[in-house]
Amino acid sequence: MSRIALAGRTTADAPPGTVAFLIGMRVNRPARLRHWLPVAAAMPRMLRELARHPELGLLSARTYVSGRAVLTVQYRRSAEDLDRYARARDAAHLPAWREFNRRTRDNCDVPRRRRSWGAGVGVPDSVGPRHGPGPAAAPRSSRP
């Protein structure tokens, strides 16, 4: 990611079909390490796998931490790539997801949230391409 500030208002031209995927967790009971630590450790492992294999469709990702909450924003090439990775038996996600469900099935120590949005007609542009799909797309002036 560039550390150079862009002059003026900008937006990003995301490739058609680009999907924004937000996934996060909040640690409700910090003392219960065995419930949340494996979950917290799984995301960096998956992001490294995705970065090593561009064919899996990850365009960019950024993780934010605030108190007991963690949010990762990912931009994927398509919803199909996102779904294919989620279901792949030979990838890091599926075993981690199954283990997470096993560990948290009967408690609320680590609630998770996930959402995805597609870029296309009627989808608002990003503001600040370094934080929106900009790392995954070419920035351009947002002025006509």
N, C-alpha and C. Protein backbone atom coordinates (compact mmCIF):
# COMPACT_ATOMS: atom_id res chain seq x y z
N MET A 1 0.84 -1.17 0.00
CA MET A 1 0.00 0.00 0.00
C MET A 1 0.89 1.23 0.00
N SER A 2 0.55 2.19 -0.83
CA SER A 2 1.32 3.42 -0.96
C SER A 2 1.08 4.33 0.24
N ARG A 3 2.12 5.01 0.64
CA ARG A 3 2.02 5.99 1.72
C ARG A 3 1.93 7.41 1.16
N ILE A 4 1.73 7.53 -0.15
CA ILE A 4 1.65 8.84 -0.80
C ILE A 4 0.20 9.30 -0.79
N ALA A 5 -0.03 10.52 -0.30
CA ALA A 5 -1.37 11.09 -0.27
C ALA A 5 -1.77 11.51 -1.68
N LEU A 6 -2.98 11.25 -2.06
CA LEU A 6 -3.49 11.66 -3.36
C LEU A 6 -4.19 13.00 -3.21
N ALA A 7 -3.90 13.92 -4.13
CA ALA A 7 -4.52 15.24 -4.08
C ALA A 7 -5.95 15.15 -4.61
N GLY A 8 -6.85 15.90 -4.01
CA GLY A 8 -8.23 15.96 -4.49
C GLY A 8 -9.07 14.78 -4.02
N ARG A 9 -10.29 14.79 -4.47
CA ARG A 9 -11.22 13.70 -4.14
C ARG A 9 -11.01 12.56 -5.11
N THR A 10 -10.98 11.36 -4.59
CA THR A 10 -10.76 10.21 -5.44
C THR A 10 -11.74 9.09 -5.11
N THR A 11 -11.85 8.18 -6.02
CA THR A 11 -12.63 6.96 -5.82
C THR A 11 -11.82 5.85 -6.48
N ALA A 12 -12.34 4.65 -6.50
CA ALA A 12 -11.62 3.54 -7.10
C ALA A 12 -12.50 2.83 -8.12
N ASP A 13 -11.89 2.44 -9.22
CA ASP A 13 -12.59 1.66 -10.23
C ASP A 13 -12.37 0.18 -9.92
N ALA A 14 -13.29 -0.41 -9.21
CA ALA A 14 -13.18 -1.83 -8.89
C ALA A 14 -13.55 -2.65 -10.12
N PRO A 15 -12.84 -3.74 -10.35
CA PRO A 15 -13.20 -4.60 -11.48
C PRO A 15 -14.64 -5.09 -11.34
N PRO A 16 -15.35 -5.31 -12.45
CA PRO A 16 -16.72 -5.82 -12.37
C PRO A 16 -16.76 -7.13 -11.58
N GLY A 17 -17.75 -7.23 -10.72
CA GLY A 17 -17.92 -8.45 -9.93
C GLY A 17 -17.19 -8.44 -8.60
N THR A 18 -16.38 -7.41 -8.34
CA THR A 18 -15.63 -7.34 -7.08
C THR A 18 -16.59 -7.39 -5.89
N VAL A 19 -16.19 -8.13 -4.87
CA VAL A 19 -17.02 -8.30 -3.67
C VAL A 19 -16.25 -7.80 -2.46
N ALA A 20 -16.91 -6.99 -1.64
CA ALA A 20 -16.36 -6.59 -0.34
C ALA A 20 -16.89 -7.57 0.69
N PHE A 21 -15.99 -8.19 1.43
CA PHE A 21 -16.35 -9.19 2.43
C PHE A 21 -15.83 -8.71 3.77
N LEU A 22 -16.73 -8.49 4.72
CA LEU A 22 -16.36 -8.06 6.06
C LEU A 22 -16.60 -9.21 7.01
N ILE A 23 -15.58 -9.54 7.80
CA ILE A 23 -15.73 -10.60 8.78
C ILE A 23 -15.05 -10.15 10.06
N GLY A 24 -15.71 -10.40 11.18
CA GLY A 24 -15.15 -9.96 12.44
C GLY A 24 -15.62 -10.79 13.60
N MET A 25 -15.03 -10.49 14.74
CA MET A 25 -15.42 -11.15 15.98
C MET A 25 -15.25 -10.18 17.13
N ARG A 26 -15.94 -10.46 18.20
CA ARG A 26 -15.83 -9.68 19.42
C ARG A 26 -15.62 -10.67 20.55
N VAL A 27 -14.61 -10.43 21.36
CA VAL A 27 -14.32 -11.32 22.48
C VAL A 27 -15.17 -10.86 23.67
N ASN A 28 -16.18 -11.66 24.02
CA ASN A 28 -17.05 -11.31 25.14
C ASN A 28 -16.44 -11.68 26.48
N ARG A 29 -15.69 -12.76 26.52
CA ARG A 29 -15.09 -13.23 27.77
C ARG A 29 -13.58 -13.45 27.55
N PRO A 30 -12.79 -12.39 27.73
CA PRO A 30 -11.36 -12.47 27.44
C PRO A 30 -10.63 -13.57 28.22
N ALA A 31 -11.08 -13.90 29.40
CA ALA A 31 -10.40 -14.91 30.21
C ALA A 31 -10.53 -16.32 29.63
N ARG A 32 -11.47 -16.54 28.73
CA ARG A 32 -11.67 -17.86 28.13
C ARG A 32 -10.84 -18.00 26.85
N LEU A 33 -9.55 -17.99 27.02
CA LEU A 33 -8.61 -18.04 25.89
C LEU A 33 -8.87 -19.22 24.96
N ARG A 34 -9.19 -20.35 25.51
CA ARG A 34 -9.36 -21.54 24.66
C ARG A 34 -10.51 -21.39 23.67
N HIS A 35 -11.43 -20.46 23.92
CA HIS A 35 -12.54 -20.25 22.99
C HIS A 35 -12.20 -19.26 21.89
N TRP A 36 -11.48 -18.18 22.22
CA TRP A 36 -11.28 -17.15 21.22
C TRP A 36 -9.89 -17.12 20.59
N LEU A 37 -8.86 -17.61 21.26
CA LEU A 37 -7.52 -17.55 20.70
C LEU A 37 -7.38 -18.35 19.40
N PRO A 38 -7.92 -19.57 19.30
CA PRO A 38 -7.82 -20.29 18.02
C PRO A 38 -8.54 -19.56 16.88
N VAL A 39 -9.63 -18.88 17.21
CA VAL A 39 -10.36 -18.12 16.19
C VAL A 39 -9.50 -16.95 15.72
N ALA A 40 -8.91 -16.24 16.67
CA ALA A 40 -8.07 -15.10 16.33
C ALA A 40 -6.84 -15.53 15.54
N ALA A 41 -6.30 -16.70 15.82
CA ALA A 41 -5.11 -17.19 15.12
C ALA A 41 -5.43 -17.70 13.72
N ALA A 42 -6.66 -18.09 13.47
CA ALA A 42 -7.02 -18.68 12.18
C ALA A 42 -7.05 -17.65 11.05
N MET A 43 -7.49 -16.44 11.31
CA MET A 43 -7.63 -15.45 10.24
C MET A 43 -6.29 -15.09 9.59
N PRO A 44 -5.24 -14.77 10.36
CA PRO A 44 -3.97 -14.48 9.69
C PRO A 44 -3.45 -15.66 8.85
N ARG A 45 -3.68 -16.86 9.32
CA ARG A 45 -3.27 -18.05 8.56
C ARG A 45 -3.99 -18.12 7.22
N MET A 46 -5.30 -17.84 7.24
CA MET A 46 -6.08 -17.86 6.00
C MET A 46 -5.66 -16.72 5.07
N LEU A 47 -5.41 -15.54 5.62
CA LEU A 47 -4.99 -14.41 4.79
C LEU A 47 -3.63 -14.67 4.13
N ARG A 48 -2.72 -15.33 4.86
CA ARG A 48 -1.43 -15.69 4.25
C ARG A 48 -1.63 -16.68 3.11
N GLU A 49 -2.50 -17.66 3.32
CA GLU A 49 -2.79 -18.63 2.27
C GLU A 49 -3.37 -17.93 1.03
N LEU A 50 -4.31 -17.03 1.25
CA LEU A 50 -4.92 -16.30 0.14
C LEU A 50 -3.90 -15.43 -0.59
N ALA A 51 -2.99 -14.81 0.15
CA ALA A 51 -1.97 -13.97 -0.46
C ALA A 51 -0.99 -14.80 -1.29
N ARG A 52 -0.68 -16.01 -0.84
CA ARG A 52 0.25 -16.89 -1.58
C ARG A 52 -0.37 -17.47 -2.85
N HIS A 53 -1.70 -17.49 -2.91
CA HIS A 53 -2.40 -18.10 -4.06
C HIS A 53 -3.38 -17.11 -4.67
N PRO A 54 -2.92 -16.20 -5.55
CA PRO A 54 -3.79 -15.19 -6.14
C PRO A 54 -4.97 -15.79 -6.91
N GLU A 55 -4.84 -17.02 -7.37
CA GLU A 55 -5.94 -17.66 -8.10
C GLU A 55 -7.17 -17.88 -7.20
N LEU A 56 -7.01 -17.75 -5.87
CA LEU A 56 -8.14 -17.89 -4.95
C LEU A 56 -9.01 -16.63 -4.92
N GLY A 57 -8.54 -15.54 -5.51
CA GLY A 57 -9.39 -14.37 -5.72
C GLY A 57 -9.29 -13.23 -4.73
N LEU A 58 -8.38 -13.28 -3.77
CA LEU A 58 -8.24 -12.15 -2.85
C LEU A 58 -7.52 -11.01 -3.57
N LEU A 59 -8.15 -9.83 -3.60
CA LEU A 59 -7.54 -8.66 -4.21
C LEU A 59 -6.78 -7.83 -3.18
N SER A 60 -7.37 -7.67 -2.00
CA SER A 60 -6.70 -6.98 -0.90
C SER A 60 -7.44 -7.28 0.39
N ALA A 61 -6.75 -7.04 1.50
CA ALA A 61 -7.36 -7.26 2.82
C ALA A 61 -6.71 -6.31 3.82
N ARG A 62 -7.49 -5.90 4.78
CA ARG A 62 -6.99 -5.04 5.85
C ARG A 62 -7.72 -5.41 7.13
N THR A 63 -6.98 -5.51 8.23
CA THR A 63 -7.55 -5.88 9.52
C THR A 63 -7.51 -4.70 10.47
N TYR A 64 -8.60 -4.51 11.19
CA TYR A 64 -8.73 -3.43 12.17
C TYR A 64 -9.00 -4.05 13.54
N VAL A 65 -8.36 -3.51 14.58
CA VAL A 65 -8.58 -3.97 15.94
C VAL A 65 -9.02 -2.77 16.77
N SER A 66 -10.08 -2.96 17.53
CA SER A 66 -10.57 -1.91 18.41
C SER A 66 -11.08 -2.56 19.70
N GLY A 67 -10.32 -2.40 20.76
CA GLY A 67 -10.72 -3.02 22.03
C GLY A 67 -10.79 -4.53 21.90
N ARG A 68 -11.96 -5.08 22.15
CA ARG A 68 -12.14 -6.54 22.08
C ARG A 68 -12.71 -6.99 20.73
N ALA A 69 -12.77 -6.09 19.77
CA ALA A 69 -13.33 -6.42 18.46
C ALA A 69 -12.24 -6.40 17.39
N VAL A 70 -12.36 -7.31 16.44
CA VAL A 70 -11.46 -7.40 15.30
C VAL A 70 -12.32 -7.48 14.05
N LEU A 71 -11.98 -6.70 13.03
CA LEU A 71 -12.69 -6.71 11.76
C LEU A 71 -11.68 -6.81 10.63
N THR A 72 -11.92 -7.73 9.72
CA THR A 72 -11.11 -7.84 8.51
C THR A 72 -11.98 -7.51 7.31
N VAL A 73 -11.52 -6.56 6.50
CA VAL A 73 -12.22 -6.18 5.27
C VAL A 73 -11.42 -6.78 4.12
N GLN A 74 -12.08 -7.61 3.34
CA GLN A 74 -11.43 -8.25 2.20
C GLN A 74 -12.14 -7.83 0.93
N TYR A 75 -11.37 -7.65 -0.13
CA TYR A 75 -11.95 -7.43 -1.45
C TYR A 75 -11.59 -8.65 -2.28
N ARG A 76 -12.63 -9.29 -2.83
CA ARG A 76 -12.47 -10.52 -3.59
C ARG A 76 -12.85 -10.28 -5.03
N ARG A 77 -12.26 -11.06 -5.92
CA ARG A 77 -12.52 -10.93 -7.35
C ARG A 77 -13.98 -11.17 -7.69
N SER A 78 -14.63 -12.11 -6.97
CA SER A 78 -16.03 -12.42 -7.26
C SER A 78 -16.65 -13.16 -6.07
N ALA A 79 -17.98 -13.16 -6.05
CA ALA A 79 -18.70 -13.93 -5.03
C ALA A 79 -18.42 -15.42 -5.20
N GLU A 80 -18.22 -15.85 -6.43
CA GLU A 80 -17.93 -17.26 -6.69
C GLU A 80 -16.59 -17.66 -6.08
N ASP A 81 -15.58 -16.79 -6.21
CA ASP A 81 -14.27 -17.07 -5.60
C ASP A 81 -14.39 -17.14 -4.08
N LEU A 82 -15.15 -16.23 -3.51
CA LEU A 82 -15.36 -16.22 -2.06
C LEU A 82 -16.01 -17.52 -1.61
N ASP A 83 -17.06 -17.93 -2.29
CA ASP A 83 -17.77 -19.16 -1.93
C ASP A 83 -16.90 -20.40 -2.17
N ARG A 84 -16.17 -20.42 -3.27
CA ARG A 84 -15.31 -21.56 -3.58
C ARG A 84 -14.26 -21.75 -2.49
N TYR A 85 -13.64 -20.66 -2.03
CA TYR A 85 -12.65 -20.76 -0.96
C TYR A 85 -13.29 -21.24 0.34
N ALA A 86 -14.46 -20.70 0.64
CA ALA A 86 -15.15 -21.08 1.88
C ALA A 86 -15.45 -22.57 1.94
N ARG A 87 -15.70 -23.19 0.80
CA ARG A 87 -16.08 -24.61 0.76
C ARG A 87 -14.94 -25.56 0.40
N ALA A 88 -13.78 -25.03 0.06
CA ALA A 88 -12.66 -25.87 -0.40
C ALA A 88 -12.15 -26.76 0.73
N ARG A 89 -12.17 -28.04 0.51
CA ARG A 89 -11.71 -29.01 1.52
C ARG A 89 -10.19 -28.98 1.71
N ASP A 90 -9.46 -28.51 0.71
CA ASP A 90 -8.00 -28.49 0.80
C ASP A 90 -7.44 -27.13 1.20
N ALA A 91 -8.29 -26.21 1.63
CA ALA A 91 -7.86 -24.87 2.05
C ALA A 91 -7.98 -24.73 3.57
N ALA A 92 -7.40 -23.68 4.11
CA ALA A 92 -7.37 -23.47 5.57
C ALA A 92 -8.74 -23.12 6.15
N HIS A 93 -9.64 -22.54 5.35
CA HIS A 93 -10.89 -22.04 5.90
C HIS A 93 -11.82 -23.11 6.47
N LEU A 94 -12.12 -24.13 5.71
CA LEU A 94 -13.13 -25.10 6.12
C LEU A 94 -12.78 -25.80 7.44
N PRO A 95 -11.56 -26.30 7.63
CA PRO A 95 -11.24 -26.89 8.94
C PRO A 95 -11.33 -25.87 10.08
N ALA A 96 -10.89 -24.63 9.82
CA ALA A 96 -10.96 -23.60 10.86
C ALA A 96 -12.41 -23.27 11.21
N TRP A 97 -13.28 -23.21 10.18
CA TRP A 97 -14.69 -22.92 10.39
C TRP A 97 -15.36 -24.04 11.21
N ARG A 98 -15.06 -25.26 10.86
CA ARG A 98 -15.63 -26.39 11.61
C ARG A 98 -15.17 -26.39 13.06
N GLU A 99 -13.89 -26.12 13.27
CA GLU A 99 -13.35 -26.06 14.64
C GLU A 99 -13.98 -24.91 15.42
N PHE A 100 -14.14 -23.77 14.77
CA PHE A 100 -14.78 -22.64 15.43
C PHE A 100 -16.20 -23.01 15.87
N ASN A 101 -16.96 -23.62 14.98
CA ASN A 101 -18.33 -24.01 15.32
C ASN A 101 -18.36 -25.03 16.44
N ARG A 102 -17.43 -25.96 16.44
CA ARG A 102 -17.36 -26.95 17.51
C ARG A 102 -17.09 -26.28 18.86
N ARG A 103 -16.15 -25.35 18.86
CA ARG A 103 -15.77 -24.69 20.12
C ARG A 103 -16.84 -23.73 20.64
N THR A 104 -17.58 -23.11 19.78
CA THR A 104 -18.51 -22.05 20.21
C THR A 104 -19.97 -22.43 20.10
N ARG A 105 -20.25 -23.64 19.76
CA ARG A 105 -21.63 -24.09 19.54
C ARG A 105 -22.54 -23.81 20.74
N ASP A 106 -22.04 -24.02 21.95
CA ASP A 106 -22.89 -23.90 23.13
C ASP A 106 -22.58 -22.69 24.00
N ASN A 107 -21.92 -21.67 23.44
CA ASN A 107 -21.63 -20.49 24.23
C ASN A 107 -21.63 -19.26 23.34
N CYS A 108 -21.54 -18.11 23.96
CA CYS A 108 -21.50 -16.85 23.18
C CYS A 108 -20.23 -16.08 23.51
N ASP A 109 -19.14 -16.81 23.79
CA ASP A 109 -17.88 -16.15 24.13
C ASP A 109 -17.30 -15.36 22.96
N VAL A 110 -17.51 -15.85 21.73
CA VAL A 110 -16.94 -15.22 20.55
C VAL A 110 -17.99 -15.16 19.44
N PRO A 111 -18.88 -14.16 19.48
CA PRO A 111 -19.82 -14.04 18.37
C PRO A 111 -19.07 -13.56 17.12
N ARG A 112 -19.48 -14.03 15.97
CA ARG A 112 -18.85 -13.61 14.72
C ARG A 112 -19.90 -12.96 13.84
N ARG A 113 -19.41 -12.10 12.98
CA ARG A 113 -20.27 -11.42 12.02
C ARG A 113 -19.59 -11.48 10.68
N ARG A 114 -20.38 -11.62 9.62
CA ARG A 114 -19.82 -11.57 8.28
C ARG A 114 -20.87 -11.02 7.32
N ARG A 115 -20.43 -10.24 6.38
CA ARG A 115 -21.29 -9.65 5.37
C ARG A 115 -20.49 -9.53 4.09
N SER A 116 -21.17 -9.55 2.95
CA SER A 116 -20.49 -9.29 1.68
C SER A 116 -21.38 -8.44 0.80
N TRP A 117 -20.74 -7.60 0.00
CA TRP A 117 -21.45 -6.74 -0.94
C TRP A 117 -20.74 -6.82 -2.28
N GLY A 118 -21.50 -6.76 -3.35
CA GLY A 118 -20.91 -6.76 -4.69
C GLY A 118 -20.80 -5.36 -5.22
N ALA A 119 -19.75 -5.09 -5.98
CA ALA A 119 -19.58 -3.79 -6.64
C ALA A 119 -20.28 -3.85 -7.98
N GLY A 120 -21.04 -2.83 -8.31
CA GLY A 120 -21.72 -2.82 -9.59
C GLY A 120 -22.68 -1.66 -9.67
N VAL A 121 -23.63 -1.75 -10.54
CA VAL A 121 -24.60 -0.68 -10.73
C VAL A 121 -25.39 -0.47 -9.44
N GLY A 122 -25.48 0.77 -9.01
CA GLY A 122 -26.25 1.09 -7.82
C GLY A 122 -25.48 0.90 -6.52
N VAL A 123 -24.24 0.45 -6.59
CA VAL A 123 -23.43 0.29 -5.38
C VAL A 123 -22.64 1.57 -5.19
N PRO A 124 -22.68 2.15 -3.99
CA PRO A 124 -21.98 3.42 -3.79
C PRO A 124 -20.47 3.28 -4.03
N ASP A 125 -19.87 4.36 -4.55
CA ASP A 125 -18.42 4.40 -4.70
C ASP A 125 -17.78 4.45 -3.34
N SER A 126 -16.52 4.08 -3.29
CA SER A 126 -15.76 4.22 -2.06
C SER A 126 -15.27 5.65 -1.94
N VAL A 127 -15.03 6.07 -0.74
CA VAL A 127 -14.39 7.36 -0.49
C VAL A 127 -13.06 7.03 0.16
N GLY A 128 -11.99 7.53 -0.42
CA GLY A 128 -10.67 7.19 0.09
C GLY A 128 -10.25 5.82 -0.39
N PRO A 129 -9.72 5.72 -1.58
CA PRO A 129 -9.44 4.41 -2.16
C PRO A 129 -8.41 3.60 -1.40
N ARG A 130 -7.67 4.18 -0.49
CA ARG A 130 -6.71 3.41 0.29
C ARG A 130 -7.41 2.59 1.37
N HIS A 131 -8.67 2.92 1.66
CA HIS A 131 -9.42 2.18 2.66
C HIS A 131 -10.61 1.46 2.09
N GLY A 132 -11.04 1.83 0.90
CA GLY A 132 -12.11 1.12 0.22
C GLY A 132 -11.48 0.10 -0.70
N PRO A 133 -12.06 -0.11 -1.86
CA PRO A 133 -11.47 -1.08 -2.77
C PRO A 133 -10.22 -0.58 -3.46
N GLY A 134 -9.74 0.61 -3.09
CA GLY A 134 -8.57 1.19 -3.72
C GLY A 134 -7.35 0.29 -3.79
N PRO A 135 -7.00 -0.41 -2.71
CA PRO A 135 -5.84 -1.30 -2.82
C PRO A 135 -6.05 -2.40 -3.86
N ALA A 136 -7.32 -2.67 -4.20
CA ALA A 136 -7.62 -3.71 -5.18
C ALA A 136 -7.97 -3.14 -6.53
N ALA A 137 -8.03 -1.81 -6.65
CA ALA A 137 -8.49 -1.19 -7.89
C ALA A 137 -7.69 0.09 -8.13
N ALA A 138 -7.74 0.57 -9.35
CA ALA A 138 -7.02 1.79 -9.69
C ALA A 138 -7.78 3.02 -9.21
N PRO A 139 -7.12 3.91 -8.45
CA PRO A 139 -7.82 5.14 -8.03
C PRO A 139 -7.99 6.09 -9.20
N ARG A 140 -9.05 6.88 -9.14
CA ARG A 140 -9.30 7.89 -10.16
C ARG A 140 -9.97 9.07 -9.48
N SER A 141 -9.97 10.20 -10.15
CA SER A 141 -10.62 11.39 -9.61
C SER A 141 -12.12 11.14 -9.55
N SER A 142 -12.76 11.59 -8.49
CA SER A 142 -14.21 11.42 -8.40
C SER A 142 -14.94 12.65 -8.93
N ARG A 143 -14.22 13.62 -9.43
CA ARG A 143 -14.82 14.81 -10.03
C ARG A 143 -15.06 14.56 -11.51
N PRO A 144 -16.23 15.02 -12.02
CA PRO A 144 -16.52 14.81 -13.46
C PRO A 144 -15.57 15.54 -14.36
